[in-house]
C-alpha atoms as a PDB file:
ATOM      1  CA  MET A   1       0.000   0.000   0.000  1.00  0.00           C
ATOM      2  CA  ARG A   2       1.218   3.467  -0.739  1.00  0.00           C
ATOM      3  CA  GLU A   3      -0.192   6.913  -0.110  1.00  0.00           C
ATOM      4  CA  VAL A   4      -0.940   9.291  -2.905  1.00  0.00           C
ATOM      5  CA  LYS A   5      -0.765  12.972  -2.053  1.00  0.00           C
ATOM      6  CA  VAL A   6      -3.787  14.941  -3.141  1.00  0.00           C
ATOM      7  CA  PRO A   7      -4.976  18.396  -2.089  1.00  0.00           C
ATOM      8  CA  ARG A   8      -7.282  16.926   0.580  1.00  0.00           C
ATOM      9  CA  GLN A   9      -6.162  14.762   3.467  1.00  0.00           C
ATOM     10  CA  VAL A  10      -6.041  11.113   2.460  1.00  0.00           C
ATOM     11  CA  VAL A  11      -6.515   8.179   4.793  1.00  0.00           C
ATOM     12  CA  ILE A  12      -5.940   4.586   3.675  1.00  0.00           C
ATOM     13  CA  VAL A  13      -8.189   2.038   5.327  1.00  0.00           C
ATOM     14  CA  ASP A  14      -8.215  -1.549   4.034  1.00  0.00           C
ATOM     15  CA  ARG A  15      -6.971  -0.493   0.600  1.00  0.00           C
ATOM     16  CA  THR A  16      -9.808   2.006   0.304  1.00  0.00           C
ATOM     17  CA  VAL A  17      -9.046   5.659  -0.079  1.00  0.00           C
ATOM     18  CA  THR A  18     -11.400   7.902   1.865  1.00  0.00           C
ATOM     19  CA  ARG A  19     -11.207  11.647   1.968  1.00  0.00           C
ATOM     20  CA  LYS A  20     -11.875  13.632   5.056  1.00  0.00           C
ATOM     21  CA  ARG A  21     -13.957  16.705   4.412  1.00  0.00           C
ATOM     22  CA  ARG A  22     -14.922  19.360   6.814  1.00  0.00           C
ATOM     23  CA  ASP A  23     -18.588  19.159   7.452  1.00  0.00           C
ATOM     24  CA  ALA A  24     -20.240  22.567   7.184  1.00  0.00           C
ATOM     25  CA  ARG A  25     -22.191  21.904  10.360  1.00  0.00           C
ATOM     26  CA  ALA A  26     -19.046  20.870  12.222  1.00  0.00           C
ATOM     27  CA  ARG A  27     -17.480  24.320  11.923  1.00  0.00           C
ATOM     28  CA  LYS A  28     -17.550  26.077  15.221  1.00  0.00           C
ATOM     29  CA  THR A  29     -19.375  29.380  14.961  1.00  0.00           C
ATOM     30  CA  ASN A  30     -20.158  31.615  17.845  1.00  0.00           C
ATOM     31  CA  PRO A  31     -23.962  31.941  18.048  1.00  0.00           C
ATOM     32  CA  HIS A  32     -23.595  35.400  19.561  1.00  0.00           C
ATOM     33  CA  LYS A  33     -21.646  36.631  16.526  1.00  0.00           C
ATOM     34  CA  ALA A  34     -24.214  35.165  14.155  1.00  0.00           C
ATOM     35  CA  GLY A  35     -27.009  36.820  16.119  1.00  0.00           C
ATOM     36  CA  ARG A  36     -25.220  40.164  16.065  1.00  0.00           C
ATOM     37  CA  MET A  37     -24.718  39.877  12.327  1.00  0.00           C
ATOM     38  CA  LEU A  38     -28.421  39.196  11.817  1.00  0.00           C
ATOM     39  CA  LEU A  39     -29.412  42.182  13.968  1.00  0.00           C
ATOM     40  CA  ARG A  40     -26.980  44.544  12.255  1.00  0.00           C
ATOM     41  CA  ILE A  41     -28.215  43.527   8.814  1.00  0.00           C
ATOM     42  CA  GLU A  42     -31.843  43.955   9.939  1.00  0.00           C
ATOM     43  CA  ARG A  43     -31.033  47.415  11.331  1.00  0.00           C
ATOM     44  CA  ALA A  44     -29.424  48.427   8.026  1.00  0.00           C
ATOM     45  CA  ILE A  45     -32.465  47.227   6.059  1.00  0.00           C
ATOM     46  CA  ARG A  46     -34.871  49.105   8.365  1.00  0.00           C
ATOM     47  CA  ALA A  47     -32.834  52.294   7.835  1.00  0.00           C
ATOM     48  CA  ILE A  48     -33.838  52.453   4.153  1.00  0.00           C
ATOM     49  CA  PRO A  49     -36.678  55.029   3.943  1.00  0.00           C
ATOM     50  CA  ARG A  50     -39.792  54.877   1.764  1.00  0.00           C
ATOM     51  CA  GLY A  51     -39.084  55.839  -1.844  1.00  0.00           C
ATOM     52  CA  LYS A  52     -35.429  54.789  -1.607  1.00  0.00           C
ATOM     53  CA  VAL A  53     -33.735  51.483  -2.437  1.00  0.00           C
ATOM     54  CA  SER A  54     -30.387  49.838  -1.829  1.00  0.00           C
ATOM     55  CA  THR A  55     -28.490  46.809  -3.071  1.00  0.00           C
ATOM     56  CA  TYR A  56     -27.688  43.590  -1.216  1.00  0.00           C
ATOM     57  CA  GLY A  57     -23.996  44.472  -1.229  1.00  0.00           C
ATOM     58  CA  ALA A  58     -24.531  48.024   0.069  1.00  0.00           C
ATOM     59  CA  VAL A  59     -26.693  46.725   2.932  1.00  0.00           C
ATOM     60  CA  ALA A  60     -24.007  44.196   3.857  1.00  0.00           C
ATOM     61  CA  LYS A  61     -21.310  46.871   3.783  1.00  0.00           C
ATOM     62  CA  ALA A  62     -23.436  49.268   5.878  1.00  0.00           C
ATOM     63  CA  ALA A  63     -23.976  46.498   8.434  1.00  0.00           C
ATOM     64  CA  GLY A  64     -20.214  46.074   8.695  1.00  0.00           C
ATOM     65  CA  PHE A  65     -19.890  42.882   6.661  1.00  0.00           C
ATOM     66  CA  PRO A  66     -18.622  43.802   3.178  1.00  0.00           C
ATOM     67  CA  GLY A  67     -18.983  40.919   0.767  1.00  0.00           C
ATOM     68  CA  ALA A  68     -21.843  39.311   2.705  1.00  0.00           C
ATOM     69  CA  ALA A  69     -24.616  39.972   0.194  1.00  0.00           C
ATOM     70  CA  ARG A  70     -25.814  36.372   0.413  1.00  0.00           C
ATOM     71  CA  GLN A  71     -26.349  36.737   4.143  1.00  0.00           C
ATOM     72  CA  VAL A  72     -28.539  39.786   3.447  1.00  0.00           C
ATOM     73  CA  ALA A  73     -30.697  37.627   1.168  1.00  0.00           C
ATOM     74  CA  LYS A  74     -30.813  34.956   3.868  1.00  0.00           C
ATOM     75  CA  VAL A  75     -31.977  37.496   6.477  1.00  0.00           C
ATOM     76  CA  LEU A  76     -34.660  38.800   4.114  1.00  0.00           C
ATOM     77  CA  ARG A  77     -35.929  35.259   3.506  1.00  0.00           C
ATOM     78  CA  ARG A  78     -36.110  34.362   7.188  1.00  0.00           C
ATOM     79  CA  SER A  79     -37.304  37.592   8.831  1.00  0.00           C
ATOM     80  CA  PHE A  80     -40.750  39.122   9.027  1.00  0.00           C
ATOM     81  CA  GLY A  81     -41.740  42.770   8.972  1.00  0.00           C
ATOM     82  CA  LEU A  82     -38.729  43.990   7.003  1.00  0.00           C
ATOM     83  CA  PRO A  83     -39.132  46.278   3.975  1.00  0.00           C
ATOM     84  CA  TRP A  84     -37.836  43.528   1.662  1.00  0.00           C
ATOM     85  CA  GLN A  85     -38.976  45.311  -1.499  1.00  0.00           C
ATOM     86  CA  ARG A  86     -36.375  48.066  -0.966  1.00  0.00           C
ATOM     87  CA  VAL A  87     -33.388  45.714  -1.393  1.00  0.00           C
ATOM     88  CA  LEU A  88     -32.352  45.022  -4.986  1.00  0.00           C
ATOM     89  CA  GLY A  89     -29.549  43.424  -6.935  1.00  0.00           C
ATOM     90  CA  ALA A  90     -26.583  45.304  -8.339  1.00  0.00           C
ATOM     91  CA  GLY A  91     -27.528  48.086 -10.712  1.00  0.00           C
ATOM     92  CA  GLY A  92     -31.112  48.233  -9.428  1.00  0.00           C
ATOM     93  CA  GLU A  93     -32.189  44.914 -10.877  1.00  0.00           C
ATOM     94  CA  ILE A  94     -34.990  42.939  -9.257  1.00  0.00           C
ATOM     95  CA  LYS A  95     -33.437  39.550  -8.520  1.00  0.00           C
ATOM     96  CA  LEU A  96     -36.631  37.761  -7.539  1.00  0.00           C
ATOM     97  CA  ARG A  97     -38.501  35.688 -10.114  1.00  0.00           C
ATOM     98  CA  GLY A  98     -42.149  35.093 -10.919  1.00  0.00           C
ATOM     99  CA  ASP A  99     -44.969  36.588  -8.873  1.00  0.00           C
ATOM    100  CA  SER A 100     -42.577  37.844  -6.206  1.00  0.00           C
ATOM    101  CA  ALA A 101     -40.797  40.042  -8.757  1.00  0.00           C
ATOM    102  CA  ILE A 102     -44.101  41.521  -9.907  1.00  0.00           C
ATOM    103  CA  GLU A 103     -45.129  42.163  -6.301  1.00  0.00           C
ATOM    104  CA  GLN A 104     -41.779  43.841  -5.554  1.00  0.00           C
ATOM    105  CA  ARG A 105     -42.111  46.133  -8.553  1.00  0.00           C
ATOM    106  CA  LEU A 106     -45.691  47.077  -7.650  1.00  0.00           C
ATOM    107  CA  ARG A 107     -44.718  47.817  -4.044  1.00  0.00           C
ATOM    108  CA  LEU A 108     -41.807  50.004  -5.163  1.00  0.00           C
ATOM    109  CA  GLU A 109     -43.970  51.881  -7.663  1.00  0.00           C
ATOM    110  CA  ALA A 110     -46.535  52.488  -4.882  1.00  0.00           C
ATOM    111  CA  GLU A 111     -43.714  54.072  -2.832  1.00  0.00           C
ATOM    112  CA  GLY A 112     -42.881  56.392  -5.752  1.00  0.00           C
ATOM    113  CA  VAL A 113     -39.800  54.618  -7.097  1.00  0.00           C
ATOM    114  CA  ARG A 114     -39.290  55.115 -10.851  1.00  0.00           C
ATOM    115  CA  PHE A 115     -38.061  52.398 -13.175  1.00  0.00           C
ATOM    116  CA  ARG A 116     -35.951  52.669 -16.317  1.00  0.00           C
ATOM    117  CA  GLY A 117     -36.975  49.583 -18.227  1.00  0.00           C
ATOM    118  CA  ARG A 118     -36.596  46.618 -15.876  1.00  0.00           C
ATOM    119  CA  ARG A 119     -34.259  48.394 -13.462  1.00  0.00           C
ATOM    120  CA  VAL A 120     -34.765  51.033 -10.790  1.00  0.00           C
ATOM    121  CA  ASP A 121     -33.404  54.513 -11.531  1.00  0.00           C
ATOM    122  CA  MET A 122     -30.594  54.257  -8.964  1.00  0.00           C
ATOM    123  CA  LYS A 123     -29.365  57.820  -9.522  1.00  0.00           C
ATOM    124  CA  ALA A 124     -32.667  59.149  -8.252  1.00  0.00           C
ATOM    125  CA  HIS A 125     -33.630  56.547  -5.651  1.00  0.00           C
ATOM    126  CA  GLU A 126     -30.486  54.919  -4.215  1.00  0.00           C
ATOM    127  CA  PHE A 127     -30.154  55.299  -0.442  1.00  0.00           C
ATOM    128  CA  LYS A 128     -26.636  56.225   0.651  1.00  0.00           C
ATOM    129  CA  PHE A 129     -25.790  54.846   4.086  1.00  0.00           C
ATOM    130  CA  ARG A 130     -23.854  57.108   6.429  1.00  0.00           C
ATOM    131  CA  PRO A 131     -20.324  55.827   7.099  1.00  0.00           C
ATOM    132  CA  GLN A 132     -19.827  54.008  10.381  1.00  0.00           C
ATOM    133  CA  PRO A 133     -17.240  55.342  12.887  1.00  0.00           C
ATOM    134  CA  SER A 134     -15.053  52.308  12.122  1.00  0.00           C
ATOM    135  CA  ASP A 135     -14.957  53.386   8.456  1.00  0.00           C
ATOM    136  CA  LEU A 136     -13.454  56.777   9.339  1.00  0.00           C
ATOM    137  CA  GLY A 137     -10.160  55.371  10.534  1.00  0.00           C
ATOM    138  CA  PRO A 138      -8.617  55.087  13.974  1.00  0.00           C
ATOM    139  CA  GLN A 139      -9.963  57.411  16.660  1.00  0.00           C
ATOM    140  CA  ILE A 140      -7.451  59.324  18.769  1.00  0.00           C
ATOM    141  CA  GLY A 141      -8.313  59.115  22.470  1.00  0.00           C
ATOM    142  CA  PRO A 142     -11.385  60.722  23.998  1.00  0.00           C
ATOM    143  CA  ARG A 143     -13.154  63.307  21.864  1.00  0.00           C
ATOM    144  CA  THR A 144     -13.312  66.863  23.166  1.00  0.00           C
ATOM    145  CA  SER A 145     -15.192  68.202  20.137  1.00  0.00           C
ATOM    146  CA  ASP A 146     -15.389  67.666  16.394  1.00  0.00           C
ATOM    147  CA  LEU A 147     -12.590  70.150  15.642  1.00  0.00           C
ATOM    148  CA  GLN A 148     -10.435  70.216  18.762  1.00  0.00           C
ATOM    149  CA  ARG A 149      -8.227  67.438  20.188  1.00  0.00           C
ATOM    150  CA  GLN A 150      -5.664  67.437  22.960  1.00  0.00           C
ATOM    151  CA  SER A 151      -2.147  66.235  22.374  1.00  0.00           C
ATOM    152  CA  VAL A 152      -0.097  64.262  24.881  1.00  0.00           C
ATOM    153  CA  THR A 153       1.571  67.430  26.188  1.00  0.00           C
ATOM    154  CA  GLY A 154      -1.755  69.139  26.870  1.00  0.00           C
ATOM    155  CA  ARG A 155      -1.627  71.548  23.927  1.00  0.00           C
ATOM    156  CA  THR A 156      -4.648  71.726  21.670  1.00  0.00           C
ATOM    157  CA  PHE A 157      -4.603  71.582  17.934  1.00  0.00           C
ATOM    158  CA  LEU A 158      -7.242  71.587  15.236  1.00  0.00           C
ATOM    159  CA  ASN A 159      -7.983  68.373  13.421  1.00  0.00           C
ATOM    160  CA  ARG A 160     -10.382  69.117  10.601  1.00  0.00           C
ATOM    161  CA  ARG A 161     -11.932  65.990   9.147  1.00  0.00           C
ATOM    162  CA  THR A 162     -13.191  66.168   5.609  1.00  0.00           C
END
């Protein structure tokens, strides 16, 4: 018997090659982190006002999870009472199919959202999320005001943020 190296871990048992795979359910995830993610995504979705729309990716980024657009879709599928019609695909495209897509378009039109063909006019109706404090860079000590900070020596200097 000899072992053959392949990208996955190989175990030889009675001349049978079996591959060990990580089971998706076996991964250890902290339920508190998953719950926080769900709540932050829900909060970002609820922040979208009537007559405005956003994309799955923008909602994920506003919630603090850039690249987690699929989790936004998962939250929308599993939660109740969210304004699901205000979340669209990239470029303002309705990603749902069938009757759900028709219902989403009718709900958006009732809120005053204009369409350009099959897509929402994103220039007129896209909701821009306000940047989170973590997006602005590192904070320097306790804040005295928006313009004034104290240095280590006790002198004050102006720090204008643009």
